[in-house]
Amino acid sequence: MIEAIETDNYDHKLIVTPLLSEDQIGPGSIDVRLGSSIIVPRRTFVASHDVTDEAQIQQVERRLYDRVRLKYHSAFILHPNQLILAVTLEYLSIPPSLFCQVASRSSWGRLGLVVATASVVQPGFKGCLTLELANLSDSPIALYPGLLVGQLIFQQVVAGEVNPEMVGGDRYHGRYDCPTEAGLPQFFTRSLDQEMRFWGKAKSKQPL
């Protein structure tokens, strides 16, 4: 990890900023802090989140979330069985030779706070990461911006699998491109989402 951070070759350099403490860096992981941007889902006014219904999911994305910006030393109380979308304080630039997974830190996990999904961060990603934080305990948990709430577990991409077009060029083509705040789910934003439209059409043709 240290070698990837300290290298002067920017085609292979790992950037994590700001790193407030060198103690955040482990042999194969980096601890990340809670940023100030949080998205709080509201209780739904629809029967379900049907991601094959383009009109409904766009309405859900517009109306079912509240954005909160935390101030320094201000607490956000995460209640039992509540899920929020938070953001890392750190901005990342991942080289094409690395990818990472986002995981919970064990101390928080024992308290009941978990990163709800083991998200994979692809090579070439740039931006702040959205964290899906859930409280699985029976007691509310106070969160403050700057707390170490998750960790990035890095793995090396095998040399033969590195796409040479990614070195020195466009490195990431995902739907969450260079975010700096907590991001909403994005459906129907890429050609891959044609599959969603397919299942939506198939559903509409089913006999009653």
N, C-alpha and C. Protein backbone atom coordinates (compact mmCIF):
# COMPACT_ATOMS: atom_id res chain seq x y z
N MET A 1 0.82 -1.20 0.00
CA MET A 1 0.00 0.00 0.00
C MET A 1 0.86 1.26 0.00
N ILE A 2 1.89 1.27 0.84
CA ILE A 2 2.76 2.44 0.92
C ILE A 2 3.42 2.71 -0.42
N GLU A 3 3.87 1.63 -1.10
CA GLU A 3 4.54 1.80 -2.39
C GLU A 3 3.61 2.43 -3.41
N ALA A 4 2.35 1.99 -3.43
CA ALA A 4 1.39 2.53 -4.39
C ALA A 4 1.06 3.98 -4.10
N ILE A 5 1.08 4.37 -2.83
CA ILE A 5 0.79 5.75 -2.45
C ILE A 5 1.98 6.65 -2.73
N GLU A 6 3.19 6.15 -2.52
CA GLU A 6 4.38 6.99 -2.61
C GLU A 6 5.01 7.04 -3.99
N THR A 7 4.59 6.19 -4.92
CA THR A 7 5.21 6.18 -6.24
C THR A 7 4.99 7.51 -6.95
N ASP A 8 5.98 7.90 -7.77
CA ASP A 8 5.88 9.12 -8.56
C ASP A 8 5.26 8.88 -9.93
N ASN A 9 4.98 7.62 -10.25
CA ASN A 9 4.36 7.28 -11.53
C ASN A 9 2.84 7.38 -11.38
N TYR A 10 2.25 8.43 -11.93
CA TYR A 10 0.84 8.68 -11.70
C TYR A 10 -0.07 7.72 -12.45
N ASP A 11 0.47 6.94 -13.39
CA ASP A 11 -0.33 5.90 -14.02
C ASP A 11 -0.54 4.71 -13.08
N HIS A 12 0.26 4.64 -12.02
CA HIS A 12 0.16 3.52 -11.08
C HIS A 12 0.05 4.00 -9.63
N LYS A 13 -0.26 5.26 -9.44
CA LYS A 13 -0.28 5.83 -8.11
C LYS A 13 -1.67 5.72 -7.48
N LEU A 14 -1.72 5.30 -6.22
CA LEU A 14 -2.95 5.30 -5.43
C LEU A 14 -3.02 6.60 -4.64
N ILE A 15 -4.10 7.34 -4.85
CA ILE A 15 -4.30 8.61 -4.14
C ILE A 15 -5.48 8.46 -3.19
N VAL A 16 -5.26 8.73 -1.93
CA VAL A 16 -6.32 8.76 -0.91
C VAL A 16 -6.09 10.04 -0.12
N THR A 17 -7.01 11.00 -0.26
CA THR A 17 -6.79 12.30 0.37
C THR A 17 -8.10 12.89 0.88
N PRO A 18 -8.11 13.49 2.09
CA PRO A 18 -6.97 13.63 3.00
C PRO A 18 -6.78 12.38 3.86
N LEU A 19 -5.54 12.03 4.10
CA LEU A 19 -5.22 11.00 5.08
C LEU A 19 -4.82 11.72 6.36
N LEU A 20 -5.72 11.74 7.34
CA LEU A 20 -5.49 12.51 8.56
C LEU A 20 -4.50 11.83 9.49
N SER A 21 -4.28 10.52 9.29
CA SER A 21 -3.34 9.80 10.15
C SER A 21 -2.73 8.65 9.36
N GLU A 22 -1.43 8.45 9.52
CA GLU A 22 -0.77 7.32 8.88
C GLU A 22 -1.27 5.99 9.45
N ASP A 23 -1.87 6.04 10.64
CA ASP A 23 -2.41 4.82 11.24
C ASP A 23 -3.57 4.25 10.44
N GLN A 24 -4.14 5.04 9.52
CA GLN A 24 -5.22 4.53 8.68
C GLN A 24 -4.73 3.50 7.67
N ILE A 25 -3.43 3.47 7.42
CA ILE A 25 -2.87 2.60 6.39
C ILE A 25 -2.42 1.28 7.02
N GLY A 26 -2.98 0.18 6.53
CA GLY A 26 -2.56 -1.14 6.96
C GLY A 26 -1.80 -1.85 5.85
N PRO A 27 -1.38 -3.10 6.07
CA PRO A 27 -0.63 -3.83 5.05
C PRO A 27 -1.40 -4.01 3.74
N GLY A 28 -2.71 -4.21 3.85
CA GLY A 28 -3.52 -4.40 2.63
C GLY A 28 -4.81 -3.62 2.64
N SER A 29 -4.95 -2.67 3.56
CA SER A 29 -6.21 -1.94 3.68
C SER A 29 -5.95 -0.50 4.12
N ILE A 30 -6.95 0.32 3.91
CA ILE A 30 -6.92 1.71 4.38
C ILE A 30 -8.25 2.01 5.04
N ASP A 31 -8.21 2.51 6.27
CA ASP A 31 -9.43 2.90 6.96
C ASP A 31 -9.93 4.23 6.38
N VAL A 32 -11.26 4.36 6.27
CA VAL A 32 -11.84 5.59 5.71
C VAL A 32 -12.82 6.19 6.72
N ARG A 33 -12.96 7.51 6.62
CA ARG A 33 -13.76 8.28 7.57
C ARG A 33 -15.11 8.69 6.98
N LEU A 34 -16.02 8.98 7.87
CA LEU A 34 -17.34 9.46 7.47
C LEU A 34 -17.26 10.92 7.05
N GLY A 35 -17.78 11.23 5.87
CA GLY A 35 -17.84 12.61 5.41
C GLY A 35 -19.10 13.30 5.92
N SER A 36 -19.36 14.48 5.39
CA SER A 36 -20.46 15.30 5.92
C SER A 36 -21.77 15.12 5.16
N SER A 37 -21.74 14.48 4.00
CA SER A 37 -22.94 14.33 3.17
C SER A 37 -23.64 13.01 3.48
N ILE A 38 -24.93 13.09 3.82
CA ILE A 38 -25.72 11.90 4.14
C ILE A 38 -27.07 11.99 3.43
N ILE A 39 -27.52 10.86 2.91
CA ILE A 39 -28.86 10.76 2.31
C ILE A 39 -29.68 9.82 3.18
N VAL A 40 -30.85 10.30 3.59
CA VAL A 40 -31.72 9.52 4.48
C VAL A 40 -32.97 9.09 3.70
N PRO A 41 -33.17 7.79 3.48
CA PRO A 41 -34.39 7.34 2.80
C PRO A 41 -35.63 7.62 3.64
N ARG A 42 -36.70 8.05 2.98
CA ARG A 42 -37.99 8.20 3.65
C ARG A 42 -38.77 6.90 3.55
N ARG A 43 -39.84 6.84 4.33
CA ARG A 43 -40.74 5.68 4.20
C ARG A 43 -41.43 5.76 2.85
N THR A 44 -41.52 4.63 2.17
CA THR A 44 -42.03 4.62 0.81
C THR A 44 -43.52 4.87 0.73
N PHE A 45 -43.93 5.53 -0.37
CA PHE A 45 -45.36 5.75 -0.62
C PHE A 45 -45.84 4.82 -1.72
N VAL A 46 -44.99 3.89 -2.16
CA VAL A 46 -45.38 2.92 -3.18
C VAL A 46 -45.32 1.53 -2.57
N ALA A 47 -45.94 0.57 -3.25
CA ALA A 47 -45.99 -0.79 -2.72
C ALA A 47 -44.61 -1.41 -2.63
N SER A 48 -43.75 -1.08 -3.59
CA SER A 48 -42.40 -1.65 -3.59
C SER A 48 -41.53 -0.81 -4.51
N HIS A 49 -40.21 -1.00 -4.42
CA HIS A 49 -39.28 -0.40 -5.36
C HIS A 49 -39.13 -1.36 -6.53
N ASP A 50 -39.86 -1.13 -7.57
CA ASP A 50 -39.81 -1.99 -8.75
C ASP A 50 -38.82 -1.37 -9.74
N VAL A 51 -37.60 -1.89 -9.78
CA VAL A 51 -36.57 -1.26 -10.59
C VAL A 51 -36.73 -1.54 -12.07
N THR A 52 -37.72 -2.35 -12.46
CA THR A 52 -38.01 -2.54 -13.88
C THR A 52 -38.99 -1.51 -14.41
N ASP A 53 -39.56 -0.69 -13.52
CA ASP A 53 -40.51 0.35 -13.90
C ASP A 53 -39.76 1.68 -13.91
N GLU A 54 -39.37 2.13 -15.10
CA GLU A 54 -38.52 3.31 -15.21
C GLU A 54 -39.18 4.56 -14.63
N ALA A 55 -40.45 4.77 -14.92
CA ALA A 55 -41.14 5.97 -14.42
C ALA A 55 -41.24 5.95 -12.91
N GLN A 56 -41.54 4.78 -12.33
CA GLN A 56 -41.67 4.69 -10.87
C GLN A 56 -40.33 4.89 -10.18
N ILE A 57 -39.28 4.27 -10.70
CA ILE A 57 -38.00 4.36 -10.01
C ILE A 57 -37.45 5.77 -10.06
N GLN A 58 -37.70 6.51 -11.15
CA GLN A 58 -37.27 7.90 -11.21
C GLN A 58 -38.04 8.75 -10.22
N GLN A 59 -39.34 8.46 -10.05
CA GLN A 59 -40.14 9.18 -9.06
C GLN A 59 -39.65 8.87 -7.65
N VAL A 60 -39.32 7.61 -7.41
CA VAL A 60 -38.79 7.21 -6.10
C VAL A 60 -37.49 7.93 -5.81
N GLU A 61 -36.59 7.99 -6.81
CA GLU A 61 -35.30 8.63 -6.60
C GLU A 61 -35.46 10.11 -6.29
N ARG A 62 -36.49 10.75 -6.87
CA ARG A 62 -36.68 12.19 -6.65
C ARG A 62 -37.33 12.47 -5.30
N ARG A 63 -38.23 11.62 -4.83
CA ARG A 63 -39.09 12.00 -3.71
C ARG A 63 -38.85 11.22 -2.42
N LEU A 64 -38.05 10.19 -2.46
CA LEU A 64 -37.96 9.34 -1.26
C LEU A 64 -36.67 9.51 -0.47
N TYR A 65 -35.95 10.60 -0.71
CA TYR A 65 -34.70 10.78 0.01
C TYR A 65 -34.55 12.22 0.48
N ASP A 66 -33.99 12.38 1.67
CA ASP A 66 -33.64 13.70 2.21
C ASP A 66 -32.12 13.79 2.30
N ARG A 67 -31.58 14.91 1.87
CA ARG A 67 -30.13 15.14 1.99
C ARG A 67 -29.84 15.91 3.28
N VAL A 68 -28.84 15.45 4.01
CA VAL A 68 -28.42 16.08 5.26
C VAL A 68 -26.93 16.38 5.14
N ARG A 69 -26.52 17.57 5.60
CA ARG A 69 -25.09 17.89 5.63
C ARG A 69 -24.70 18.12 7.08
N LEU A 70 -23.81 17.27 7.57
CA LEU A 70 -23.39 17.34 8.96
C LEU A 70 -22.32 18.41 9.14
N LYS A 71 -22.40 19.11 10.25
CA LYS A 71 -21.35 20.06 10.61
C LYS A 71 -20.36 19.38 11.55
N TYR A 72 -19.19 19.97 11.65
CA TYR A 72 -18.16 19.42 12.53
C TYR A 72 -18.69 19.30 13.95
N HIS A 73 -18.53 18.15 14.56
CA HIS A 73 -18.98 17.83 15.92
C HIS A 73 -20.50 17.69 16.03
N SER A 74 -21.22 17.76 14.93
CA SER A 74 -22.67 17.53 14.99
C SER A 74 -22.94 16.04 14.79
N ALA A 75 -23.87 15.50 15.55
CA ALA A 75 -24.16 14.07 15.53
C ALA A 75 -25.34 13.76 14.63
N PHE A 76 -25.25 12.62 13.95
CA PHE A 76 -26.40 12.05 13.27
C PHE A 76 -26.74 10.76 14.01
N ILE A 77 -27.99 10.63 14.43
CA ILE A 77 -28.42 9.44 15.18
C ILE A 77 -28.99 8.42 14.21
N LEU A 78 -28.30 7.30 14.10
CA LEU A 78 -28.75 6.21 13.24
C LEU A 78 -29.54 5.23 14.08
N HIS A 79 -30.82 5.11 13.78
CA HIS A 79 -31.72 4.30 14.61
C HIS A 79 -31.67 2.83 14.21
N PRO A 80 -32.12 1.95 15.10
CA PRO A 80 -32.12 0.52 14.78
C PRO A 80 -32.87 0.23 13.48
N ASN A 81 -32.30 -0.66 12.68
CA ASN A 81 -32.88 -1.08 11.39
C ASN A 81 -32.99 0.05 10.38
N GLN A 82 -32.23 1.12 10.58
CA GLN A 82 -32.23 2.22 9.64
C GLN A 82 -31.02 2.12 8.71
N LEU A 83 -31.24 2.45 7.45
CA LEU A 83 -30.18 2.47 6.45
C LEU A 83 -30.02 3.90 5.94
N ILE A 84 -28.78 4.35 5.82
CA ILE A 84 -28.50 5.65 5.23
C ILE A 84 -27.41 5.49 4.17
N LEU A 85 -27.34 6.47 3.28
CA LEU A 85 -26.25 6.56 2.31
C LEU A 85 -25.33 7.68 2.78
N ALA A 86 -24.11 7.33 3.08
CA ALA A 86 -23.12 8.31 3.54
C ALA A 86 -22.00 8.39 2.51
N VAL A 87 -21.02 9.23 2.78
CA VAL A 87 -19.91 9.40 1.85
C VAL A 87 -18.61 9.39 2.63
N THR A 88 -17.55 8.95 1.98
CA THR A 88 -16.25 8.99 2.64
C THR A 88 -15.71 10.41 2.65
N LEU A 89 -15.00 10.74 3.70
CA LEU A 89 -14.28 12.01 3.73
C LEU A 89 -13.19 12.01 2.66
N GLU A 90 -12.61 10.85 2.42
CA GLU A 90 -11.47 10.74 1.50
C GLU A 90 -11.92 10.69 0.04
N TYR A 91 -11.15 11.35 -0.79
CA TYR A 91 -11.27 11.26 -2.24
C TYR A 91 -10.25 10.24 -2.72
N LEU A 92 -10.68 9.35 -3.63
CA LEU A 92 -9.81 8.27 -4.09
C LEU A 92 -9.50 8.41 -5.57
N SER A 93 -8.31 8.01 -5.94
CA SER A 93 -7.95 7.79 -7.33
C SER A 93 -7.22 6.46 -7.38
N ILE A 94 -7.87 5.44 -7.95
CA ILE A 94 -7.34 4.08 -7.92
C ILE A 94 -6.67 3.76 -9.25
N PRO A 95 -5.43 3.30 -9.23
CA PRO A 95 -4.74 2.99 -10.49
C PRO A 95 -5.29 1.73 -11.13
N PRO A 96 -4.97 1.50 -12.41
CA PRO A 96 -5.48 0.31 -13.10
C PRO A 96 -4.92 -1.00 -12.57
N SER A 97 -3.90 -0.94 -11.73
CA SER A 97 -3.29 -2.15 -11.18
C SER A 97 -3.92 -2.59 -9.87
N LEU A 98 -4.91 -1.85 -9.36
CA LEU A 98 -5.55 -2.17 -8.08
C LEU A 98 -7.07 -2.11 -8.19
N PHE A 99 -7.75 -2.87 -7.34
CA PHE A 99 -9.16 -2.64 -7.05
C PHE A 99 -9.35 -2.91 -5.57
N CYS A 100 -10.50 -2.51 -5.03
CA CYS A 100 -10.70 -2.71 -3.60
C CYS A 100 -12.15 -3.03 -3.30
N GLN A 101 -12.37 -3.56 -2.12
CA GLN A 101 -13.71 -3.80 -1.58
C GLN A 101 -13.90 -2.94 -0.34
N VAL A 102 -15.14 -2.49 -0.14
CA VAL A 102 -15.48 -1.68 1.03
C VAL A 102 -16.07 -2.61 2.08
N ALA A 103 -15.54 -2.55 3.28
CA ALA A 103 -16.00 -3.44 4.35
C ALA A 103 -16.17 -2.66 5.65
N SER A 104 -16.87 -3.28 6.59
CA SER A 104 -17.05 -2.70 7.91
C SER A 104 -15.76 -2.84 8.72
N ARG A 105 -15.57 -1.94 9.67
CA ARG A 105 -14.50 -2.11 10.65
C ARG A 105 -15.04 -2.95 11.80
N SER A 106 -14.21 -3.85 12.32
CA SER A 106 -14.71 -4.86 13.25
C SER A 106 -15.28 -4.25 14.53
N SER A 107 -14.69 -3.17 15.04
CA SER A 107 -15.19 -2.58 16.29
C SER A 107 -16.61 -2.05 16.10
N TRP A 108 -16.85 -1.36 14.98
CA TRP A 108 -18.20 -0.87 14.70
C TRP A 108 -19.16 -2.04 14.46
N GLY A 109 -18.68 -3.07 13.77
CA GLY A 109 -19.52 -4.22 13.49
C GLY A 109 -20.00 -4.89 14.77
N ARG A 110 -19.16 -4.92 15.79
CA ARG A 110 -19.56 -5.52 17.06
C ARG A 110 -20.58 -4.67 17.79
N LEU A 111 -20.63 -3.38 17.41
CA LEU A 111 -21.64 -2.50 18.00
C LEU A 111 -22.96 -2.57 17.22
N GLY A 112 -22.89 -3.10 16.00
CA GLY A 112 -24.10 -3.22 15.18
C GLY A 112 -24.09 -2.36 13.94
N LEU A 113 -23.06 -1.51 13.77
CA LEU A 113 -22.98 -0.67 12.58
C LEU A 113 -22.20 -1.41 11.51
N VAL A 114 -22.81 -1.58 10.34
CA VAL A 114 -22.14 -2.30 9.26
C VAL A 114 -22.26 -1.52 7.96
N VAL A 115 -21.26 -1.71 7.10
CA VAL A 115 -21.40 -1.29 5.71
C VAL A 115 -22.24 -2.37 5.05
N ALA A 116 -23.43 -2.00 4.59
CA ALA A 116 -24.44 -2.99 4.24
C ALA A 116 -24.07 -3.84 3.04
N THR A 117 -23.23 -3.33 2.15
CA THR A 117 -22.83 -4.11 0.98
C THR A 117 -21.32 -4.12 0.87
N ALA A 118 -20.79 -5.22 0.39
CA ALA A 118 -19.35 -5.31 0.14
C ALA A 118 -19.09 -4.80 -1.26
N SER A 119 -19.13 -3.49 -1.43
CA SER A 119 -19.01 -2.90 -2.75
C SER A 119 -17.61 -3.11 -3.31
N VAL A 120 -17.55 -3.39 -4.59
CA VAL A 120 -16.28 -3.48 -5.30
C VAL A 120 -16.01 -2.16 -5.99
N VAL A 121 -14.84 -1.61 -5.76
CA VAL A 121 -14.44 -0.35 -6.40
C VAL A 121 -13.48 -0.71 -7.52
N GLN A 122 -13.87 -0.40 -8.74
CA GLN A 122 -13.14 -0.86 -9.91
C GLN A 122 -11.84 -0.09 -10.13
N PRO A 123 -10.88 -0.72 -10.82
CA PRO A 123 -9.66 0.00 -11.20
C PRO A 123 -10.01 1.27 -11.99
N GLY A 124 -9.27 2.33 -11.72
CA GLY A 124 -9.50 3.58 -12.44
C GLY A 124 -10.54 4.48 -11.83
N PHE A 125 -11.23 4.04 -10.76
CA PHE A 125 -12.27 4.87 -10.14
C PHE A 125 -11.64 6.12 -9.53
N LYS A 126 -12.35 7.24 -9.67
CA LYS A 126 -11.97 8.49 -9.03
C LYS A 126 -13.20 9.08 -8.35
N GLY A 127 -13.04 9.55 -7.12
CA GLY A 127 -14.14 10.19 -6.42
C GLY A 127 -14.22 9.75 -4.97
N CYS A 128 -15.24 10.25 -4.28
CA CYS A 128 -15.56 9.81 -2.92
C CYS A 128 -16.54 8.65 -3.01
N LEU A 129 -16.44 7.73 -2.08
CA LEU A 129 -17.28 6.53 -2.12
C LEU A 129 -18.57 6.73 -1.32
N THR A 130 -19.67 6.27 -1.87
CA THR A 130 -20.92 6.21 -1.11
C THR A 130 -20.93 4.94 -0.27
N LEU A 131 -21.23 5.09 1.00
CA LEU A 131 -21.29 3.97 1.94
C LEU A 131 -22.74 3.72 2.33
N GLU A 132 -23.18 2.48 2.23
CA GLU A 132 -24.52 2.12 2.73
C GLU A 132 -24.36 1.64 4.17
N LEU A 133 -24.70 2.51 5.12
CA LEU A 133 -24.51 2.20 6.54
C LEU A 133 -25.84 1.77 7.16
N ALA A 134 -25.81 0.66 7.87
CA ALA A 134 -27.02 0.14 8.50
C ALA A 134 -26.74 -0.15 9.98
N ASN A 135 -27.75 0.12 10.80
CA ASN A 135 -27.68 -0.17 12.23
C ASN A 135 -28.46 -1.46 12.50
N LEU A 136 -27.75 -2.53 12.78
CA LEU A 136 -28.38 -3.83 13.03
C LEU A 136 -28.63 -4.08 14.51
N SER A 137 -28.28 -3.12 15.36
CA SER A 137 -28.44 -3.31 16.80
C SER A 137 -29.82 -2.85 17.24
N ASP A 138 -30.08 -2.99 18.54
CA ASP A 138 -31.35 -2.54 19.12
C ASP A 138 -31.26 -1.14 19.71
N SER A 139 -30.10 -0.51 19.60
CA SER A 139 -29.91 0.82 20.19
C SER A 139 -29.47 1.81 19.13
N PRO A 140 -29.87 3.08 19.26
CA PRO A 140 -29.40 4.10 18.32
C PRO A 140 -27.89 4.28 18.43
N ILE A 141 -27.27 4.67 17.32
CA ILE A 141 -25.82 4.89 17.26
C ILE A 141 -25.57 6.32 16.78
N ALA A 142 -24.73 7.05 17.49
CA ALA A 142 -24.38 8.42 17.11
C ALA A 142 -23.18 8.39 16.18
N LEU A 143 -23.33 9.08 15.05
CA LEU A 143 -22.26 9.17 14.06
C LEU A 143 -21.82 10.62 13.91
N TYR A 144 -20.54 10.83 13.75
CA TYR A 144 -19.98 12.17 13.59
C TYR A 144 -19.09 12.19 12.35
N PRO A 145 -19.07 13.30 11.61
CA PRO A 145 -18.14 13.39 10.49
C PRO A 145 -16.70 13.30 10.98
N GLY A 146 -15.92 12.49 10.27
CA GLY A 146 -14.53 12.28 10.66
C GLY A 146 -14.27 10.96 11.35
N LEU A 147 -15.33 10.26 11.80
CA LEU A 147 -15.14 8.96 12.44
C LEU A 147 -14.69 7.93 11.41
N LEU A 148 -13.80 7.04 11.84
CA LEU A 148 -13.38 5.93 10.99
C LEU A 148 -14.48 4.87 11.01
N VAL A 149 -15.21 4.74 9.90
CA VAL A 149 -16.38 3.86 9.90
C VAL A 149 -16.23 2.66 8.97
N GLY A 150 -15.25 2.68 8.07
CA GLY A 150 -15.11 1.58 7.13
C GLY A 150 -13.66 1.37 6.74
N GLN A 151 -13.45 0.36 5.91
CA GLN A 151 -12.09 0.11 5.44
C GLN A 151 -12.14 -0.35 3.99
N LEU A 152 -11.09 0.00 3.27
CA LEU A 152 -10.93 -0.42 1.88
C LEU A 152 -9.90 -1.54 1.86
N ILE A 153 -10.28 -2.69 1.35
CA ILE A 153 -9.39 -3.85 1.28
C ILE A 153 -8.92 -3.97 -0.17
N PHE A 154 -7.63 -3.75 -0.38
CA PHE A 154 -7.08 -3.67 -1.73
C PHE A 154 -6.55 -5.02 -2.20
N GLN A 155 -6.69 -5.23 -3.52
CA GLN A 155 -6.12 -6.41 -4.16
C GLN A 155 -5.46 -5.99 -5.46
N GLN A 156 -4.43 -6.72 -5.81
CA GLN A 156 -3.68 -6.43 -7.02
C GLN A 156 -4.38 -7.03 -8.23
N VAL A 157 -4.44 -6.27 -9.31
CA VAL A 157 -4.92 -6.82 -10.58
C VAL A 157 -3.76 -7.55 -11.24
N VAL A 158 -4.02 -8.78 -11.69
CA VAL A 158 -2.97 -9.56 -12.34
C VAL A 158 -2.48 -8.81 -13.57
N ALA A 159 -1.17 -8.76 -13.75
CA ALA A 159 -0.57 -7.92 -14.79
C ALA A 159 -1.17 -8.19 -16.16
N GLY A 160 -1.43 -9.44 -16.48
CA GLY A 160 -1.98 -9.76 -17.79
C GLY A 160 -3.41 -9.33 -17.97
N GLU A 161 -4.10 -8.97 -16.86
CA GLU A 161 -5.50 -8.57 -16.94
C GLU A 161 -5.66 -7.06 -16.95
N VAL A 162 -4.58 -6.31 -16.83
CA VAL A 162 -4.67 -4.85 -16.86
C VAL A 162 -4.91 -4.41 -18.29
N ASN A 163 -5.97 -3.66 -18.51
CA ASN A 163 -6.28 -3.14 -19.84
C ASN A 163 -5.30 -2.02 -20.17
N PRO A 164 -4.47 -2.17 -21.20
CA PRO A 164 -3.48 -1.12 -21.49
C PRO A 164 -4.12 0.21 -21.85
N GLU A 165 -5.38 0.20 -22.32
CA GLU A 165 -6.05 1.44 -22.66
C GLU A 165 -6.35 2.27 -21.42
N MET A 166 -6.36 1.62 -20.23
CA MET A 166 -6.66 2.35 -19.01
C MET A 166 -5.47 3.16 -18.52
N VAL A 167 -4.26 2.76 -18.91
CA VAL A 167 -3.06 3.44 -18.45
C VAL A 167 -2.89 4.74 -19.22
N GLY A 168 -2.96 5.86 -18.48
CA GLY A 168 -2.79 7.16 -19.10
C GLY A 168 -4.02 7.65 -19.84
N GLY A 169 -5.12 6.94 -19.75
CA GLY A 169 -6.32 7.38 -20.48
C GLY A 169 -7.55 7.31 -19.62
N ASP A 170 -8.72 7.14 -20.27
CA ASP A 170 -9.97 7.01 -19.54
C ASP A 170 -9.93 5.71 -18.77
N ARG A 171 -10.18 5.77 -17.46
CA ARG A 171 -9.97 4.58 -16.64
C ARG A 171 -11.24 3.99 -16.07
N TYR A 172 -12.33 4.69 -16.12
CA TYR A 172 -13.52 4.19 -15.45
C TYR A 172 -14.74 4.61 -16.24
N HIS A 173 -15.64 3.67 -16.47
CA HIS A 173 -16.82 3.96 -17.28
C HIS A 173 -18.09 3.52 -16.54
N GLY A 174 -18.06 3.52 -15.22
CA GLY A 174 -19.24 3.14 -14.45
C GLY A 174 -20.25 4.27 -14.35
N ARG A 175 -21.37 3.94 -13.73
CA ARG A 175 -22.46 4.92 -13.64
C ARG A 175 -22.20 5.97 -12.56
N TYR A 176 -21.33 5.68 -11.61
CA TYR A 176 -21.03 6.63 -10.53
C TYR A 176 -19.65 7.24 -10.81
N ASP A 177 -19.63 8.26 -11.63
CA ASP A 177 -18.38 8.81 -12.15
C ASP A 177 -17.96 10.04 -11.36
N CYS A 178 -16.84 9.92 -10.64
CA CYS A 178 -16.21 11.01 -9.89
C CYS A 178 -17.17 11.73 -8.94
N PRO A 179 -17.87 11.00 -8.06
CA PRO A 179 -18.77 11.66 -7.10
C PRO A 179 -17.98 12.30 -5.96
N THR A 180 -18.55 13.33 -5.38
CA THR A 180 -17.96 13.96 -4.20
C THR A 180 -18.95 14.04 -3.05
N GLU A 181 -20.18 13.57 -3.26
CA GLU A 181 -21.20 13.50 -2.21
C GLU A 181 -21.85 12.13 -2.24
N ALA A 182 -22.60 11.81 -1.17
CA ALA A 182 -23.36 10.57 -1.17
C ALA A 182 -24.30 10.56 -2.37
N GLY A 183 -24.35 9.42 -3.07
CA GLY A 183 -25.11 9.36 -4.31
C GLY A 183 -26.32 8.45 -4.22
N LEU A 184 -27.38 8.86 -4.90
CA LEU A 184 -28.59 8.04 -4.99
C LEU A 184 -28.35 6.85 -5.91
N PRO A 185 -29.17 5.79 -5.77
CA PRO A 185 -29.07 4.70 -6.74
C PRO A 185 -29.44 5.20 -8.12
N GLN A 186 -28.74 4.71 -9.12
CA GLN A 186 -28.98 5.16 -10.49
C GLN A 186 -29.34 3.97 -11.36
N PHE A 187 -30.59 3.89 -11.73
CA PHE A 187 -31.05 2.88 -12.67
C PHE A 187 -31.35 3.58 -13.99
N PHE A 188 -31.34 2.81 -15.07
CA PHE A 188 -31.65 3.33 -16.41
C PHE A 188 -30.71 4.45 -16.82
N THR A 189 -29.43 4.33 -16.47
CA THR A 189 -28.46 5.36 -16.84
C THR A 189 -27.39 4.84 -17.79
N ARG A 190 -27.41 3.54 -18.07
CA ARG A 190 -26.39 2.95 -18.94
C ARG A 190 -27.04 1.95 -19.87
N SER A 191 -26.30 1.56 -20.94
CA SER A 191 -26.83 0.58 -21.89
C SER A 191 -27.11 -0.75 -21.21
N LEU A 192 -26.35 -1.07 -20.13
CA LEU A 192 -26.59 -2.31 -19.41
C LEU A 192 -28.00 -2.37 -18.84
N ASP A 193 -28.59 -1.19 -18.59
CA ASP A 193 -29.93 -1.16 -18.01
C ASP A 193 -31.01 -1.50 -19.01
N GLN A 194 -30.64 -1.80 -20.26
CA GLN A 194 -31.62 -2.31 -21.21
C GLN A 194 -32.25 -3.59 -20.66
N GLU A 195 -31.49 -4.33 -19.84
CA GLU A 195 -32.04 -5.55 -19.25
C GLU A 195 -33.21 -5.22 -18.33
N MET A 196 -33.10 -4.10 -17.59
CA MET A 196 -34.23 -3.68 -16.75
C MET A 196 -35.47 -3.43 -17.61
N ARG A 197 -35.27 -2.75 -18.73
CA ARG A 197 -36.39 -2.46 -19.62
C ARG A 197 -36.98 -3.75 -20.18
N PHE A 198 -36.11 -4.72 -20.48
CA PHE A 198 -36.60 -6.00 -20.99
C PHE A 198 -37.54 -6.66 -19.99
N TRP A 199 -37.12 -6.71 -18.70
CA TRP A 199 -37.97 -7.36 -17.70
C TRP A 199 -39.23 -6.57 -17.43
N GLY A 200 -39.13 -5.24 -17.54
CA GLY A 200 -40.33 -4.42 -17.38
C GLY A 200 -41.34 -4.70 -18.48
N LYS A 201 -40.87 -4.83 -19.73
CA LYS A 201 -41.77 -5.13 -20.84
C LYS A 201 -42.35 -6.53 -20.72
N ALA A 202 -41.49 -7.50 -20.30
CA ALA A 202 -41.96 -8.87 -20.13
C ALA A 202 -43.05 -8.93 -19.06
N LYS A 203 -42.88 -8.16 -18.00
CA LYS A 203 -43.87 -8.14 -16.92
C LYS A 203 -45.20 -7.60 -17.42
N SER A 204 -45.14 -6.51 -18.26
CA SER A 204 -46.37 -5.89 -18.72
C SER A 204 -47.15 -6.76 -19.68
N LYS A 205 -46.48 -7.77 -20.30
CA LYS A 205 -47.16 -8.64 -21.26
C LYS A 205 -47.76 -9.87 -20.60
N GLN A 206 -47.51 -10.06 -19.30
CA GLN A 206 -48.06 -11.23 -18.62
C GLN A 206 -49.57 -11.13 -18.52
N PRO A 207 -50.28 -12.23 -18.72
CA PRO A 207 -51.74 -12.20 -18.59
C PRO A 207 -52.15 -12.01 -17.14
N LEU A 208 -53.27 -11.34 -16.94
CA LEU A 208 -53.77 -11.12 -15.58
C LEU A 208 -54.39 -12.42 -15.05
